[in-house]
């Protein structure tokens, strides 16, 4: 069994919003690819939530990065095709 605890995490995708990041993390999880959910570390409290507008990096183990990017690309292409079809 391979020890993943020492393997580097790499950015597989930068989501535009927290919601998009959640969808993509769920997609990767369904494919057996773990992506930790990093907790933002704000240096000071904010009076209103900006969570919906923050870009979020999707991190995966380096050994899974090519597979993760393939899964994400297929998902994004599928959504682009669905968006184009709904515009017609």
PDB file of N, CA and C in Angstrom:
ATOM      1  N   UNK A   1       0.845  -1.181   0.000  1.00  0.00           N
ATOM      2  CA  UNK A   1       0.000   0.000   0.000  1.00  0.00           C
ATOM      3  C   UNK A   1       0.892   1.246   0.000  1.00  0.00           C
ATOM      4  N   UNK A   2       0.561   2.195  -0.833  1.00  0.00           N
ATOM      5  CA  UNK A   2       1.339   3.432  -0.959  1.00  0.00           C
ATOM      6  C   UNK A   2       0.981   4.392   0.172  1.00  0.00           C
ATOM      7  N   UNK A   3       1.994   5.037   0.726  1.00  0.00           N
ATOM      8  CA  UNK A   3       1.795   6.020   1.780  1.00  0.00           C
ATOM      9  C   UNK A   3       1.557   7.385   1.149  1.00  0.00           C
ATOM     10  N   UNK A   4       0.275   7.814   1.080  1.00  0.00           N
ATOM     11  CA  UNK A   4      -0.094   9.094   0.469  1.00  0.00           C
ATOM     12  C   UNK A   4       0.180  10.284   1.386  1.00  0.00           C
ATOM     13  N   UNK A   5       0.490  10.020   2.664  1.00  0.00           N
ATOM     14  CA  UNK A   5       0.615  11.117   3.614  1.00  0.00           C
ATOM     15  C   UNK A   5       1.808  12.030   3.308  1.00  0.00           C
ATOM     16  N   UNK A   6       2.765  11.548   2.539  1.00  0.00           N
ATOM     17  CA  UNK A   6       3.939  12.370   2.224  1.00  0.00           C
ATOM     18  C   UNK A   6       3.894  12.913   0.802  1.00  0.00           C
ATOM     19  N   UNK A   7       2.849  12.614   0.100  1.00  0.00           N
ATOM     20  CA  UNK A   7       2.740  13.078  -1.285  1.00  0.00           C
ATOM     21  C   UNK A   7       2.267  14.529  -1.312  1.00  0.00           C
ATOM     22  N   UNK A   8       2.800  15.287  -2.249  1.00  0.00           N
ATOM     23  CA  UNK A   8       2.465  16.703  -2.381  1.00  0.00           C
ATOM     24  C   UNK A   8       1.059  16.885  -2.940  1.00  0.00           C
ATOM     25  N   UNK A   9       0.412  17.954  -2.485  1.00  0.00           N
ATOM     26  CA  UNK A   9      -0.851  18.380  -3.066  1.00  0.00           C
ATOM     27  C   UNK A   9      -0.544  19.408  -4.145  1.00  0.00           C
ATOM     28  N   UNK A  10      -1.299  19.341  -5.234  1.00  0.00           N
ATOM     29  CA  UNK A  10      -1.141  20.297  -6.327  1.00  0.00           C
ATOM     30  C   UNK A  10      -2.515  20.859  -6.680  1.00  0.00           C
ATOM     31  N   UNK A  11      -2.519  22.013  -7.313  1.00  0.00           N
ATOM     32  CA  UNK A  11      -3.768  22.639  -7.746  1.00  0.00           C
ATOM     33  C   UNK A  11      -4.187  22.005  -9.067  1.00  0.00           C
ATOM     34  N   UNK A  12      -5.348  21.358  -9.067  1.00  0.00           N
ATOM     35  CA  UNK A  12      -5.881  20.754 -10.290  1.00  0.00           C
ATOM     36  C   UNK A  12      -6.779  21.726 -11.032  1.00  0.00           C
ATOM     37  N   UNK A  13      -7.389  22.680 -10.303  1.00  0.00           N
ATOM     38  CA  UNK A  13      -8.336  23.611 -10.912  1.00  0.00           C
ATOM     39  C   UNK A  13      -8.555  24.765  -9.943  1.00  0.00           C
ATOM     40  N   UNK A  14      -8.790  25.946 -10.464  1.00  0.00           N
ATOM     41  CA  UNK A  14      -9.158  27.100  -9.639  1.00  0.00           C
ATOM     42  C   UNK A  14     -10.606  27.454  -9.954  1.00  0.00           C
ATOM     43  N   UNK A  15     -11.476  27.170  -9.016  1.00  0.00           N
ATOM     44  CA  UNK A  15     -12.905  27.452  -9.178  1.00  0.00           C
ATOM     45  C   UNK A  15     -13.156  28.930  -8.947  1.00  0.00           C
ATOM     46  N   UNK A  16     -14.129  29.472  -9.638  1.00  0.00           N
ATOM     47  CA  UNK A  16     -14.460  30.880  -9.512  1.00  0.00           C
ATOM     48  C   UNK A  16     -15.235  31.222  -8.264  1.00  0.00           C
ATOM     49  N   UNK A  17     -15.951  30.236  -7.715  1.00  0.00           N
ATOM     50  CA  UNK A  17     -16.746  30.462  -6.511  1.00  0.00           C
ATOM     51  C   UNK A  17     -16.639  29.246  -5.596  1.00  0.00           C
ATOM     52  N   UNK A  18     -17.030  29.429  -4.362  1.00  0.00           N
ATOM     53  CA  UNK A  18     -17.038  28.326  -3.406  1.00  0.00           C
ATOM     54  C   UNK A  18     -18.042  27.257  -3.854  1.00  0.00           C
ATOM     55  N   UNK A  19     -19.182  27.686  -4.398  1.00  0.00           N
ATOM     56  CA  UNK A  19     -20.199  26.734  -4.858  1.00  0.00           C
ATOM     57  C   UNK A  19     -19.648  25.854  -5.981  1.00  0.00           C
ATOM     58  N   UNK A  20     -18.948  26.460  -6.940  1.00  0.00           N
ATOM     59  CA  UNK A  20     -18.356  25.684  -8.027  1.00  0.00           C
ATOM     60  C   UNK A  20     -17.318  24.708  -7.479  1.00  0.00           C
ATOM     61  N   UNK A  21     -16.532  25.152  -6.513  1.00  0.00           N
ATOM     62  CA  UNK A  21     -15.527  24.279  -5.897  1.00  0.00           C
ATOM     63  C   UNK A  21     -16.188  23.076  -5.224  1.00  0.00           C
ATOM     64  N   UNK A  22     -17.309  23.300  -4.552  1.00  0.00           N
ATOM     65  CA  UNK A  22     -18.021  22.205  -3.890  1.00  0.00           C
ATOM     66  C   UNK A  22     -18.512  21.179  -4.900  1.00  0.00           C
ATOM     67  N   UNK A  23     -19.044  21.646  -6.022  1.00  0.00           N
ATOM     68  CA  UNK A  23     -19.530  20.753  -7.074  1.00  0.00           C
ATOM     69  C   UNK A  23     -18.372  19.921  -7.632  1.00  0.00           C
ATOM     70  N   UNK A  24     -17.266  20.576  -7.907  1.00  0.00           N
ATOM     71  CA  UNK A  24     -16.123  19.873  -8.499  1.00  0.00           C
ATOM     72  C   UNK A  24     -15.501  18.911  -7.502  1.00  0.00           C
ATOM     73  N   UNK A  25     -15.410  19.296  -6.234  1.00  0.00           N
ATOM     74  CA  UNK A  25     -14.899  18.363  -5.220  1.00  0.00           C
ATOM     75  C   UNK A  25     -15.794  17.127  -5.120  1.00  0.00           C
ATOM     76  N   UNK A  26     -17.095  17.334  -5.171  1.00  0.00           N
ATOM     77  CA  UNK A  26     -18.035  16.199  -5.127  1.00  0.00           C
ATOM     78  C   UNK A  26     -17.858  15.296  -6.340  1.00  0.00           C
ATOM     79  N   UNK A  27     -17.684  15.906  -7.498  1.00  0.00           N
ATOM     80  CA  UNK A  27     -17.453  15.146  -8.723  1.00  0.00           C
ATOM     81  C   UNK A  27     -16.186  14.305  -8.597  1.00  0.00           C
ATOM     82  N   UNK A  28     -15.108  14.911  -8.130  1.00  0.00           N
ATOM     83  CA  UNK A  28     -13.854  14.177  -7.960  1.00  0.00           C
ATOM     84  C   UNK A  28     -14.018  13.053  -6.944  1.00  0.00           C
ATOM     85  N   UNK A  29     -14.711  13.337  -5.851  1.00  0.00           N
ATOM     86  CA  UNK A  29     -14.942  12.314  -4.821  1.00  0.00           C
ATOM     87  C   UNK A  29     -15.696  11.118  -5.404  1.00  0.00           C
ATOM     88  N   UNK A  30     -16.675  11.380  -6.277  1.00  0.00           N
ATOM     89  CA  UNK A  30     -17.432  10.286  -6.891  1.00  0.00           C
ATOM     90  C   UNK A  30     -16.561   9.440  -7.819  1.00  0.00           C
ATOM     91  N   UNK A  31     -15.445  10.010  -8.274  1.00  0.00           N
ATOM     92  CA  UNK A  31     -14.492   9.295  -9.123  1.00  0.00           C
ATOM     93  C   UNK A  31     -13.360   8.672  -8.297  1.00  0.00           C
ATOM     94  N   UNK A  32     -13.455   8.780  -6.968  1.00  0.00           N
ATOM     95  CA  UNK A  32     -12.444   8.206  -6.093  1.00  0.00           C
ATOM     96  C   UNK A  32     -11.204   9.058  -5.916  1.00  0.00           C
ATOM     97  N   UNK A  33     -11.313  10.349  -6.224  1.00  0.00           N
ATOM     98  CA  UNK A  33     -10.181  11.270  -6.094  1.00  0.00           C
ATOM     99  C   UNK A  33     -10.475  12.208  -4.927  1.00  0.00           C
ATOM    100  N   UNK A  34      -9.651  12.127  -3.883  1.00  0.00           N
ATOM    101  CA  UNK A  34      -9.854  12.967  -2.712  1.00  0.00           C
ATOM    102  C   UNK A  34      -9.350  14.388  -2.975  1.00  0.00           C
ATOM    103  N   UNK A  35     -10.140  15.356  -2.547  1.00  0.00           N
ATOM    104  CA  UNK A  35      -9.748  16.763  -2.633  1.00  0.00           C
ATOM    105  C   UNK A  35     -10.120  17.423  -1.318  1.00  0.00           C
ATOM    106  N   UNK A  36      -9.113  17.759  -0.507  1.00  0.00           N
ATOM    107  CA  UNK A  36      -9.421  18.373   0.782  1.00  0.00           C
ATOM    108  C   UNK A  36     -10.111  19.716   0.618  1.00  0.00           C
ATOM    109  N   UNK A  37     -10.978  20.013   1.560  1.00  0.00           N
ATOM    110  CA  UNK A  37     -11.698  21.288   1.568  1.00  0.00           C
ATOM    111  C   UNK A  37     -10.942  22.244   2.477  1.00  0.00           C
ATOM    112  N   UNK A  38     -10.125  23.124   1.887  1.00  0.00           N
ATOM    113  CA  UNK A  38      -9.340  24.016   2.743  1.00  0.00           C
ATOM    114  C   UNK A  38     -10.222  25.042   3.427  1.00  0.00           C
ATOM    115  N   UNK A  39     -10.008  25.218   4.715  1.00  0.00           N
ATOM    116  CA  UNK A  39     -10.758  26.231   5.457  1.00  0.00           C
ATOM    117  C   UNK A  39     -10.045  27.567   5.280  1.00  0.00           C
ATOM    118  N   UNK A  40     -10.768  28.588   4.838  1.00  0.00           N
ATOM    119  CA  UNK A  40     -10.108  29.887   4.670  1.00  0.00           C
ATOM    120  C   UNK A  40      -9.649  30.434   6.015  1.00  0.00           C
ATOM    121  N   UNK A  41      -8.505  31.037   6.018  1.00  0.00           N
ATOM    122  CA  UNK A  41      -7.961  31.630   7.241  1.00  0.00           C
ATOM    123  C   UNK A  41      -7.942  33.144   7.066  1.00  0.00           C
ATOM    124  N   UNK A  42      -9.005  33.790   7.488  1.00  0.00           N
ATOM    125  CA  UNK A  42      -9.091  35.235   7.367  1.00  0.00           C
ATOM    126  C   UNK A  42      -8.381  35.885   8.546  1.00  0.00           C
ATOM    127  N   UNK A  43      -7.555  36.892   8.292  1.00  0.00           N
ATOM    128  CA  UNK A  43      -6.814  37.525   9.387  1.00  0.00           C
ATOM    129  C   UNK A  43      -7.690  38.397  10.278  1.00  0.00           C
ATOM    130  N   UNK A  44      -8.895  38.729   9.826  1.00  0.00           N
ATOM    131  CA  UNK A  44      -9.806  39.545  10.616  1.00  0.00           C
ATOM    132  C   UNK A  44     -11.235  39.188  10.222  1.00  0.00           C
ATOM    133  N   UNK A  45     -12.177  39.307  11.125  1.00  0.00           N
ATOM    134  CA  UNK A  45     -13.575  38.973  10.801  1.00  0.00           C
ATOM    135  C   UNK A  45     -14.186  39.999   9.848  1.00  0.00           C
ATOM    136  N   UNK A  46     -15.051  39.536   8.984  1.00  0.00           N
ATOM    137  CA  UNK A  46     -15.734  40.423   8.036  1.00  0.00           C
ATOM    138  C   UNK A  46     -17.176  40.616   8.480  1.00  0.00           C
ATOM    139  N   UNK A  47     -17.713  41.785   8.209  1.00  0.00           N
ATOM    140  CA  UNK A  47     -19.075  42.066   8.621  1.00  0.00           C
ATOM    141  C   UNK A  47     -20.097  41.367   7.733  1.00  0.00           C
ATOM    142  N   UNK A  48     -19.703  41.008   6.528  1.00  0.00           N
ATOM    143  CA  UNK A  48     -20.607  40.272   5.650  1.00  0.00           C
ATOM    144  C   UNK A  48     -19.837  39.163   4.945  1.00  0.00           C
ATOM    145  N   UNK A  49     -20.538  38.121   4.589  1.00  0.00           N
ATOM    146  CA  UNK A  49     -19.903  36.967   3.971  1.00  0.00           C
ATOM    147  C   UNK A  49     -19.551  37.253   2.517  1.00  0.00           C
ATOM    148  N   UNK A  50     -18.319  36.937   2.156  1.00  0.00           N
ATOM    149  CA  UNK A  50     -17.913  37.067   0.760  1.00  0.00           C
ATOM    150  C   UNK A  50     -17.652  35.690   0.159  1.00  0.00           C
ATOM    151  N   UNK A  51     -18.063  34.649   0.894  1.00  0.00           N
ATOM    152  CA  UNK A  51     -17.773  33.286   0.496  1.00  0.00           C
ATOM    153  C   UNK A  51     -18.226  32.958  -0.925  1.00  0.00           C
ATOM    154  N   UNK A  52     -19.350  33.451  -1.359  1.00  0.00           N
ATOM    155  CA  UNK A  52     -19.870  33.143  -2.674  1.00  0.00           C
ATOM    156  C   UNK A  52     -19.034  33.683  -3.816  1.00  0.00           C
ATOM    157  N   UNK A  53     -18.168  34.633  -3.535  1.00  0.00           N
ATOM    158  CA  UNK A  53     -17.409  35.246  -4.607  1.00  0.00           C
ATOM    159  C   UNK A  53     -15.918  34.906  -4.576  1.00  0.00           C
ATOM    160  N   UNK A  54     -15.473  34.144  -3.605  1.00  0.00           N
ATOM    161  CA  UNK A  54     -14.057  33.810  -3.499  1.00  0.00           C
ATOM    162  C   UNK A  54     -13.668  32.712  -4.480  1.00  0.00           C
ATOM    163  N   UNK A  55     -12.534  32.897  -5.128  1.00  0.00           N
ATOM    164  CA  UNK A  55     -11.980  31.830  -5.952  1.00  0.00           C
ATOM    165  C   UNK A  55     -11.403  30.776  -5.014  1.00  0.00           C
ATOM    166  N   UNK A  56     -11.499  29.515  -5.391  1.00  0.00           N
ATOM    167  CA  UNK A  56     -11.058  28.430  -4.537  1.00  0.00           C
ATOM    168  C   UNK A  56     -10.270  27.426  -5.343  1.00  0.00           C
ATOM    169  N   UNK A  57      -9.064  27.127  -4.889  1.00  0.00           N
ATOM    170  CA  UNK A  57      -8.242  26.126  -5.551  1.00  0.00           C
ATOM    171  C   UNK A  57      -8.697  24.728  -5.164  1.00  0.00           C
ATOM    172  N   UNK A  58      -8.750  23.853  -6.157  1.00  0.00           N
ATOM    173  CA  UNK A  58      -9.069  22.441  -5.941  1.00  0.00           C
ATOM    174  C   UNK A  58      -7.735  21.721  -5.857  1.00  0.00           C
ATOM    175  N   UNK A  59      -7.439  21.179  -4.681  1.00  0.00           N
ATOM    176  CA  UNK A  59      -6.183  20.478  -4.456  1.00  0.00           C
ATOM    177  C   UNK A  59      -6.386  18.974  -4.533  1.00  0.00           C
ATOM    178  N   UNK A  60      -5.426  18.288  -5.142  1.00  0.00           N
ATOM    179  CA  UNK A  60      -5.439  16.831  -5.213  1.00  0.00           C
ATOM    180  C   UNK A  60      -4.011  16.323  -5.034  1.00  0.00           C
ATOM    181  N   UNK A  61      -3.885  15.036  -4.729  1.00  0.00           N
ATOM    182  CA  UNK A  61      -2.554  14.441  -4.658  1.00  0.00           C
ATOM    183  C   UNK A  61      -1.901  14.533  -6.027  1.00  0.00           C
ATOM    184  N   UNK A  62      -0.613  14.772  -6.032  1.00  0.00           N
ATOM    185  CA  UNK A  62       0.118  14.929  -7.287  1.00  0.00           C
ATOM    186  C   UNK A  62      -0.084  13.723  -8.215  1.00  0.00           C
ATOM    187  N   UNK A  63      -0.123  12.523  -7.655  1.00  0.00           N
ATOM    188  CA  UNK A  63      -0.287  11.318  -8.471  1.00  0.00           C
ATOM    189  C   UNK A  63      -1.664  11.222  -9.119  1.00  0.00           C
ATOM    190  N   UNK A  64      -2.639  11.956  -8.604  1.00  0.00           N
ATOM    191  CA  UNK A  64      -4.007  11.948  -9.141  1.00  0.00           C
ATOM    192  C   UNK A  64      -4.312  13.182  -9.980  1.00  0.00           C
ATOM    193  N   UNK A  65      -3.340  14.080 -10.142  1.00  0.00           N
ATOM    194  CA  UNK A  65      -3.622  15.373 -10.778  1.00  0.00           C
ATOM    195  C   UNK A  65      -4.045  15.241 -12.237  1.00  0.00           C
ATOM    196  N   UNK A  66      -3.402  14.376 -13.011  1.00  0.00           N
ATOM    197  CA  UNK A  66      -3.793  14.227 -14.419  1.00  0.00           C
ATOM    198  C   UNK A  66      -5.207  13.675 -14.544  1.00  0.00           C
ATOM    199  N   UNK A  67      -5.528  12.682 -13.733  1.00  0.00           N
ATOM    200  CA  UNK A  67      -6.874  12.106 -13.759  1.00  0.00           C
ATOM    201  C   UNK A  67      -7.906  13.141 -13.316  1.00  0.00           C
ATOM    202  N   UNK A  68      -7.583  13.905 -12.274  1.00  0.00           N
ATOM    203  CA  UNK A  68      -8.504  14.934 -11.784  1.00  0.00           C
ATOM    204  C   UNK A  68      -8.760  15.987 -12.859  1.00  0.00           C
ATOM    205  N   UNK A  69      -7.715  16.424 -13.529  1.00  0.00           N
ATOM    206  CA  UNK A  69      -7.876  17.442 -14.582  1.00  0.00           C
ATOM    207  C   UNK A  69      -8.707  16.902 -15.739  1.00  0.00           C
ATOM    208  N   UNK A  70      -8.536  15.625 -16.067  1.00  0.00           N
ATOM    209  CA  UNK A  70      -9.334  15.009 -17.135  1.00  0.00           C
ATOM    210  C   UNK A  70     -10.814  15.003 -16.751  1.00  0.00           C
ATOM    211  N   UNK A  71     -11.111  14.595 -15.517  1.00  0.00           N
ATOM    212  CA  UNK A  71     -12.496  14.544 -15.034  1.00  0.00           C
ATOM    213  C   UNK A  71     -13.113  15.948 -15.042  1.00  0.00           C
ATOM    214  N   UNK A  72     -12.351  16.922 -14.572  1.00  0.00           N
ATOM    215  CA  UNK A  72     -12.851  18.305 -14.531  1.00  0.00           C
ATOM    216  C   UNK A  72     -13.072  18.837 -15.941  1.00  0.00           C
ATOM    217  N   UNK A  73     -12.143  18.581 -16.854  1.00  0.00           N
ATOM    218  CA  UNK A  73     -12.289  19.028 -18.248  1.00  0.00           C
ATOM    219  C   UNK A  73     -13.534  18.434 -18.891  1.00  0.00           C
ATOM    220  N   UNK A  74     -13.774  17.138 -18.670  1.00  0.00           N
ATOM    221  CA  UNK A  74     -14.973  16.495 -19.231  1.00  0.00           C
ATOM    222  C   UNK A  74     -16.230  17.130 -18.666  1.00  0.00           C
ATOM    223  N   UNK A  75     -16.227  17.410 -17.376  1.00  0.00           N
ATOM    224  CA  UNK A  75     -17.376  18.054 -16.737  1.00  0.00           C
ATOM    225  C   UNK A  75     -17.625  19.442 -17.326  1.00  0.00           C
ATOM    226  N   UNK A  76     -16.558  20.229 -17.450  1.00  0.00           N
ATOM    227  CA  UNK A  76     -16.701  21.590 -17.976  1.00  0.00           C
ATOM    228  C   UNK A  76     -17.141  21.585 -19.436  1.00  0.00           C
ATOM    229  N   UNK A  77     -16.627  20.671 -20.247  1.00  0.00           N
ATOM    230  CA  UNK A  77     -17.053  20.560 -21.650  1.00  0.00           C
ATOM    231  C   UNK A  77     -18.518  20.178 -21.733  1.00  0.00           C
ATOM    232  N   UNK A  78     -18.953  19.270 -20.867  1.00  0.00           N
ATOM    233  CA  UNK A  78     -20.367  18.879 -20.838  1.00  0.00           C
ATOM    234  C   UNK A  78     -21.267  20.035 -20.480  1.00  0.00           C
ATOM    235  N   UNK A  79     -20.836  20.843 -19.526  1.00  0.00           N
ATOM    236  CA  UNK A  79     -21.626  22.021 -19.138  1.00  0.00           C
ATOM    237  C   UNK A  79     -21.629  23.076 -20.225  1.00  0.00           C
ATOM    238  N   UNK A  80     -20.516  23.248 -20.925  1.00  0.00           N
ATOM    239  CA  UNK A  80     -20.451  24.225 -22.025  1.00  0.00           C
ATOM    240  C   UNK A  80     -21.408  23.814 -23.155  1.00  0.00           C
ATOM    241  N   UNK A  81     -21.477  22.527 -23.428  1.00  0.00           N
ATOM    242  CA  UNK A  81     -22.389  22.026 -24.440  1.00  0.00           C
ATOM    243  C   UNK A  81     -23.839  22.210 -24.026  1.00  0.00           C
ATOM    244  N   UNK A  82     -24.126  22.008 -22.753  1.00  0.00           N
ATOM    245  CA  UNK A  82     -25.496  22.189 -22.255  1.00  0.00           C
ATOM    246  C   UNK A  82     -25.895  23.663 -22.305  1.00  0.00           C
ATOM    247  N   UNK A  83     -24.953  24.541 -21.982  1.00  0.00           N
ATOM    248  CA  UNK A  83     -25.236  25.980 -22.039  1.00  0.00           C
ATOM    249  C   UNK A  83     -25.506  26.431 -23.470  1.00  0.00           C
ATOM    250  N   UNK A  84     -24.732  25.916 -24.428  1.00  0.00           N
ATOM    251  CA  UNK A  84     -24.916  26.284 -25.831  1.00  0.00           C
ATOM    252  C   UNK A  84     -26.263  25.790 -26.344  1.00  0.00           C
ATOM    253  N   UNK A  85     -26.648  24.604 -25.942  1.00  0.00           N
ATOM    254  CA  UNK A  85     -27.938  24.042 -26.374  1.00  0.00           C
ATOM    255  C   UNK A  85     -29.103  24.828 -25.801  1.00  0.00           C
ATOM    256  N   UNK A  86     -28.973  25.326 -24.573  1.00  0.00           N
ATOM    257  CA  UNK A  86     -30.079  26.080 -23.963  1.00  0.00           C
ATOM    258  C   UNK A  86     -30.196  27.482 -24.557  1.00  0.00           C
ATOM    259  N   UNK A  87     -29.124  27.981 -25.195  1.00  0.00           N
ATOM    260  CA  UNK A  87     -29.166  29.296 -25.818  1.00  0.00           C
ATOM    261  C   UNK A  87     -29.908  29.263 -27.151  1.00  0.00           C
ATOM    262  N   UNK A  88     -30.053  28.090 -27.736  1.00  0.00           N
ATOM    263  CA  UNK A  88     -30.691  27.985 -29.062  1.00  0.00           C
ATOM    264  C   UNK A  88     -32.187  28.037 -28.995  1.00  0.00           C
TER     265      UNK A  88
END
